C-alpha atoms as a PDB file:
ATOM      1  CA  MET A   1      94.790 115.391 116.568  1.00  0.00           C
ATOM      2  CA  ALA A   2      97.649 113.956 114.544  1.00  0.00           C
ATOM      3  CA  GLU A   3     100.191 115.240 117.010  1.00  0.00           C
ATOM      4  CA  ALA A   4      98.204 113.658 119.803  1.00  0.00           C
ATOM      5  CA  GLU A   5      98.041 110.362 118.019  1.00  0.00           C
ATOM      6  CA  ASN A   6     101.787 110.485 117.423  1.00  0.00           C
ATOM      7  CA  ILE A   7     102.534 111.147 121.059  1.00  0.00           C
ATOM      8  CA  VAL A   8     100.322 108.280 122.314  1.00  0.00           C
ATOM      9  CA  ASN A   9     101.663 105.901 119.657  1.00  0.00           C
ATOM     10  CA  ARG A  10     105.106 106.777 120.790  1.00  0.00           C
ATOM     11  CA  MET A  11     104.226 106.131 124.442  1.00  0.00           C
ATOM     12  CA  TYR A  12     102.489 102.935 123.687  1.00  0.00           C
ATOM     13  CA  SER A  13     105.501 101.632 121.660  1.00  0.00           C
ATOM     14  CA  ASN A  14     107.453 101.642 124.908  1.00  0.00           C
ATOM     15  CA  ASP A  15     104.683 100.677 127.153  1.00  0.00           C
ATOM     16  CA  THR A  16     105.268  97.017 127.918  1.00  0.00           C
ATOM     17  CA  PHE A  17     102.773  96.848 130.718  1.00  0.00           C
ATOM     18  CA  SER A  18      99.860  98.071 128.587  1.00  0.00           C
ATOM     19  CA  LYS A  19     100.894  95.678 125.897  1.00  0.00           C
ATOM     20  CA  TRP A  20     101.107  92.857 128.481  1.00  0.00           C
ATOM     21  CA  LEU A  21      97.506  93.608 129.473  1.00  0.00           C
ATOM     22  CA  GLY A  22      96.440  93.398 125.906  1.00  0.00           C
ATOM     23  CA  ILE A  23      95.489  97.077 125.683  1.00  0.00           C
ATOM     24  CA  THR A  24      94.521  98.432 122.335  1.00  0.00           C
ATOM     25  CA  LEU A  25      94.291 102.100 121.401  1.00  0.00           C
ATOM     26  CA  ASP A  26      90.875 102.832 120.128  1.00  0.00           C
ATOM     27  CA  LYS A  27      90.569 106.594 119.783  1.00  0.00           C
ATOM     28  CA  VAL A  28      92.913 109.479 120.620  1.00  0.00           C
ATOM     29  CA  ASP A  29      92.574 113.156 120.589  1.00  0.00           C
ATOM     30  CA  VAL A  30      93.983 116.145 122.520  1.00  0.00           C
ATOM     31  CA  GLY A  31      93.003 115.615 126.187  1.00  0.00           C
ATOM     32  CA  PHE A  32      91.151 112.455 125.282  1.00  0.00           C
ATOM     33  CA  ALA A  33      91.917 108.737 125.060  1.00  0.00           C
ATOM     34  CA  GLN A  34      89.733 105.633 124.552  1.00  0.00           C
ATOM     35  CA  ILE A  35      91.440 102.114 124.976  1.00  0.00           C
ATOM     36  CA  SER A  36      90.158  98.624 125.588  1.00  0.00           C
ATOM     37  CA  MET A  37      91.171  95.073 126.643  1.00  0.00           C
ATOM     38  CA  ILE A  38      89.769  91.663 127.319  1.00  0.00           C
ATOM     39  CA  VAL A  39      89.993  90.184 130.846  1.00  0.00           C
ATOM     40  CA  ASN A  40      91.632  86.787 130.889  1.00  0.00           C
ATOM     41  CA  GLY A  41      92.025  84.060 133.524  1.00  0.00           C
ATOM     42  CA  ASN A  42      95.393  85.323 134.708  1.00  0.00           C
ATOM     43  CA  MET A  43      93.660  88.641 135.769  1.00  0.00           C
ATOM     44  CA  LEU A  44      91.352  86.937 138.265  1.00  0.00           C
ATOM     45  CA  ASN A  45      91.668  87.104 142.083  1.00  0.00           C
ATOM     46  CA  GLY A  46      90.675  84.578 144.695  1.00  0.00           C
ATOM     47  CA  PHE A  47      87.042  85.159 144.199  1.00  0.00           C
ATOM     48  CA  GLY A  48      87.269  84.267 140.607  1.00  0.00           C
ATOM     49  CA  ILE A  49      86.570  87.866 139.517  1.00  0.00           C
ATOM     50  CA  ALA A  50      89.046  90.459 138.022  1.00  0.00           C
ATOM     51  CA  HIS A  51      91.461  91.832 140.441  1.00  0.00           C
ATOM     52  CA  GLY A  52      90.775  95.532 141.138  1.00  0.00           C
ATOM     53  CA  GLY A  53      94.257  96.317 139.825  1.00  0.00           C
ATOM     54  CA  ILE A  54      93.032  95.443 136.369  1.00  0.00           C
ATOM     55  CA  THR A  55      90.413  98.052 136.019  1.00  0.00           C
ATOM     56  CA  TYR A  56      92.755 100.510 137.745  1.00  0.00           C
ATOM     57  CA  SER A  57      95.613  99.661 135.373  1.00  0.00           C
ATOM     58  CA  LEU A  58      93.484 100.075 132.294  1.00  0.00           C
ATOM     59  CA  ALA A  59      92.118 103.454 133.706  1.00  0.00           C
ATOM     60  CA  ASP A  60      95.540 104.617 134.607  1.00  0.00           C
ATOM     61  CA  SER A  61      96.861 103.897 131.009  1.00  0.00           C
ATOM     62  CA  ALA A  62      93.991 105.884 129.497  1.00  0.00           C
ATOM     63  CA  PHE A  63      94.699 108.704 131.912  1.00  0.00           C
ATOM     64  CA  ALA A  64      98.360 108.621 130.951  1.00  0.00           C
ATOM     65  CA  PHE A  65      97.570 108.749 127.193  1.00  0.00           C
ATOM     66  CA  ALA A  66      95.030 111.518 127.505  1.00  0.00           C
ATOM     67  CA  SER A  67      97.070 113.712 129.697  1.00  0.00           C
ATOM     68  CA  ASN A  68     100.289 113.382 127.751  1.00  0.00           C
ATOM     69  CA  SER A  69      98.316 114.008 124.463  1.00  0.00           C
ATOM     70  CA  GLN A  70      98.523 117.790 125.267  1.00  0.00           C
ATOM     71  CA  GLY A  71     102.144 117.708 124.009  1.00  0.00           C
ATOM     72  CA  ARG A  72     103.826 118.067 127.432  1.00  0.00           C
ATOM     73  CA  HIS A  73     105.104 115.317 129.592  1.00  0.00           C
ATOM     74  CA  ALA A  74     102.599 114.740 132.306  1.00  0.00           C
ATOM     75  CA  VAL A  75     103.062 112.543 135.399  1.00  0.00           C
ATOM     76  CA  SER A  76     100.430 111.347 137.773  1.00  0.00           C
ATOM     77  CA  ILE A  77     100.314 112.905 141.314  1.00  0.00           C
ATOM     78  CA  GLU A  78      96.988 111.644 142.605  1.00  0.00           C
ATOM     79  CA  THR A  79      94.454 108.991 141.615  1.00  0.00           C
ATOM     80  CA  SER A  80      91.375 107.272 142.977  1.00  0.00           C
ATOM     81  CA  ILE A  81      89.046 104.627 141.727  1.00  0.00           C
ATOM     82  CA  SER A  82      85.618 103.322 142.649  1.00  0.00           C
ATOM     83  CA  HIS A  83      84.675  99.826 141.552  1.00  0.00           C
ATOM     84  CA  THR A  84      81.018  99.857 140.784  1.00  0.00           C
ATOM     85  CA  LYS A  85      80.404  96.365 139.225  1.00  0.00           C
ATOM     86  CA  THR A  86      82.124  92.945 139.192  1.00  0.00           C
ATOM     87  CA  VAL A  87      84.327  92.210 136.298  1.00  0.00           C
ATOM     88  CA  LYS A  88      84.568  88.620 134.980  1.00  0.00           C
ATOM     89  CA  GLU A  89      86.785  86.535 132.622  1.00  0.00           C
ATOM     90  CA  GLY A  90      86.006  87.381 129.108  1.00  0.00           C
ATOM     91  CA  ASP A  91      84.774  90.863 129.673  1.00  0.00           C
ATOM     92  CA  GLN A  92      85.735  93.397 127.209  1.00  0.00           C
ATOM     93  CA  LEU A  93      86.521  96.604 129.180  1.00  0.00           C
ATOM     94  CA  THR A  94      86.690 100.130 127.645  1.00  0.00           C
ATOM     95  CA  ALA A  95      88.251 103.014 129.390  1.00  0.00           C
ATOM     96  CA  VAL A  96      87.377 106.643 128.185  1.00  0.00           C
ATOM     97  CA  ALA A  97      89.608 109.341 129.558  1.00  0.00           C
ATOM     98  CA  LYS A  98      88.260 112.965 129.412  1.00  0.00           C
ATOM     99  CA  GLU A  99      89.965 116.200 130.447  1.00  0.00           C
ATOM    100  CA  ASP A 100      88.002 118.052 133.173  1.00  0.00           C
ATOM    101  CA  ASN A 101      90.404 120.881 133.810  1.00  0.00           C
ATOM    102  CA  LEU A 102      93.838 122.051 132.481  1.00  0.00           C
ATOM    103  CA  SER A 103      96.144 124.647 133.767  1.00  0.00           C
ATOM    104  CA  ASN A 104      99.799 125.415 133.238  1.00  0.00           C
ATOM    105  CA  ARG A 105     101.037 122.856 135.723  1.00  0.00           C
ATOM    106  CA  LEU A 106      97.993 120.712 136.638  1.00  0.00           C
ATOM    107  CA  GLY A 107      95.532 118.469 134.585  1.00  0.00           C
ATOM    108  CA  ILE A 108      92.443 116.758 135.982  1.00  0.00           C
ATOM    109  CA  TYR A 109      90.949 113.808 134.200  1.00  0.00           C
ATOM    110  CA  THR A 110      87.917 111.512 134.728  1.00  0.00           C
ATOM    111  CA  ILE A 111      88.079 107.982 133.376  1.00  0.00           C
ATOM    112  CA  THR A 112      85.021 105.770 132.979  1.00  0.00           C
ATOM    113  CA  VAL A 113      85.558 102.032 132.572  1.00  0.00           C
ATOM    114  CA  THR A 114      82.582 100.075 130.964  1.00  0.00           C
ATOM    115  CA  ASN A 115      82.215  96.534 129.949  1.00  0.00           C
ATOM    116  CA  GLN A 116      80.779  95.147 126.711  1.00  0.00           C
ATOM    117  CA  ASP A 117      77.277  95.676 127.864  1.00  0.00           C
ATOM    118  CA  ASN A 118      78.143  99.405 128.535  1.00  0.00           C
ATOM    119  CA  ASP A 119      77.775  98.799 132.189  1.00  0.00           C
ATOM    120  CA  VAL A 120      80.045 101.133 134.221  1.00  0.00           C
ATOM    121  CA  VAL A 121      82.438  98.906 136.180  1.00  0.00           C
ATOM    122  CA  ALA A 122      84.731 101.636 137.536  1.00  0.00           C
ATOM    123  CA  LEU A 123      85.096 105.399 137.855  1.00  0.00           C
ATOM    124  CA  PHE A 124      88.672 106.659 138.045  1.00  0.00           C
ATOM    125  CA  LYS A 125      89.857 110.354 138.688  1.00  0.00           C
ATOM    126  CA  GLY A 126      93.397 111.535 138.366  1.00  0.00           C
ATOM    127  CA  THR A 127      95.538 114.630 138.554  1.00  0.00           C
ATOM    128  CA  VAL A 128      98.701 115.175 136.693  1.00  0.00           C
ATOM    129  CA  PHE A 129     101.685 117.435 137.112  1.00  0.00           C
ATOM    130  CA  ARG A 130     102.657 118.823 133.684  1.00  0.00           C
ATOM    131  CA  LYS A 131     106.313 119.301 133.119  1.00  0.00           C
ATOM    132  CA  ASP A 132     107.939 121.699 130.873  1.00  0.00           C
ATOM    133  CA  THR A 133     109.364 118.909 128.798  1.00  0.00           C
ATOM    134  CA  LEU A 134     107.646 118.724 125.430  1.00  0.00           C
ATOM    135  CA  TRP A 135     107.006 115.364 123.510  1.00  0.00           C
ATOM    136  CA  SER A 136     108.221 116.943 120.343  1.00  0.00           C
ATOM    137  CA  GLU A 137     109.364 120.211 118.867  1.00  0.00           C
ATOM    138  CA  SER A 138     106.112 120.567 117.021  1.00  0.00           C
ATOM    139  CA  ALA A 139     104.008 120.387 120.261  1.00  0.00           C
ATOM    140  CA  ARG A 140     102.617 123.857 120.676  1.00  0.00           C
ATOM    141  CA  PRO A 141     101.577 125.313 124.112  1.00  0.00           C
ATOM    142  CA  GLU A 142      97.791 124.909 124.365  1.00  0.00           C
ATOM    143  CA  GLN A 143      95.206 127.464 125.570  1.00  0.00           C
ATOM    144  CA  ASN A 144      93.781 126.859 128.882  1.00  0.00           C
ATOM    145  CA  ARG A 145      90.139 125.923 127.735  1.00  0.00           C
ATOM    146  CA  ASN A 146      88.766 125.587 131.330  1.00  0.00           C
ATOM    147  CA  THR A 147      88.625 127.600 134.436  1.00  0.00           C
ATOM    148  CA  PRO A 148      92.281 128.588 135.457  1.00  0.00           C
ATOM    149  CA  SER A 149      93.473 127.426 138.747  1.00  0.00           C
ATOM    150  CA  ASN A 150      96.018 129.034 141.049  1.00  0.00           C
ATOM    151  CA  ASP A 151      99.121 127.166 140.233  1.00  0.00           C
END
C-alpha cells in the first residue's frame, strides 16, 4: 500500500488538471483509488448543471491513479461513461475506482461517481494498456489475481 500511495502522490504532484479541478486524494491502495471534489460555478453548462466532462474528468483521474498504483505505467486505451443523475453547483463528488481484471498487458476498471447523498451520478468503465516501465525500482511485478486474458 505504501508503494501505491507513493506512486499516486508522485502522479498527483505533476497533475495540474486534477489540481485545477480541486481533486483531493482520499484513499489509495493497489488497484484502488478514491478521490473527491466540489463542483463550482465554472463547471456548469448552458443548462446550469455540471458539464458531463466534469464527472468524466473526475472518474478518469481516479482510473489513472488506480491503474498506475500497480507499479507499472498504465495508459488509457478505452473508456465509457453513463451519466445517471444531474450534478449541480456545490455538489461534493466522490469517485471510487476498483480493479475488475488485471493481466500482463491490460487492466479493466470500474469507477462509480457519487454525490454527497451517496446517489450514483455516473458510472465509468476503462481499460488501460500496461507498459513495461516501472514507477520505481521497488515496484514488484504483481500476481494476476483475476482470470487471465489472452494478451
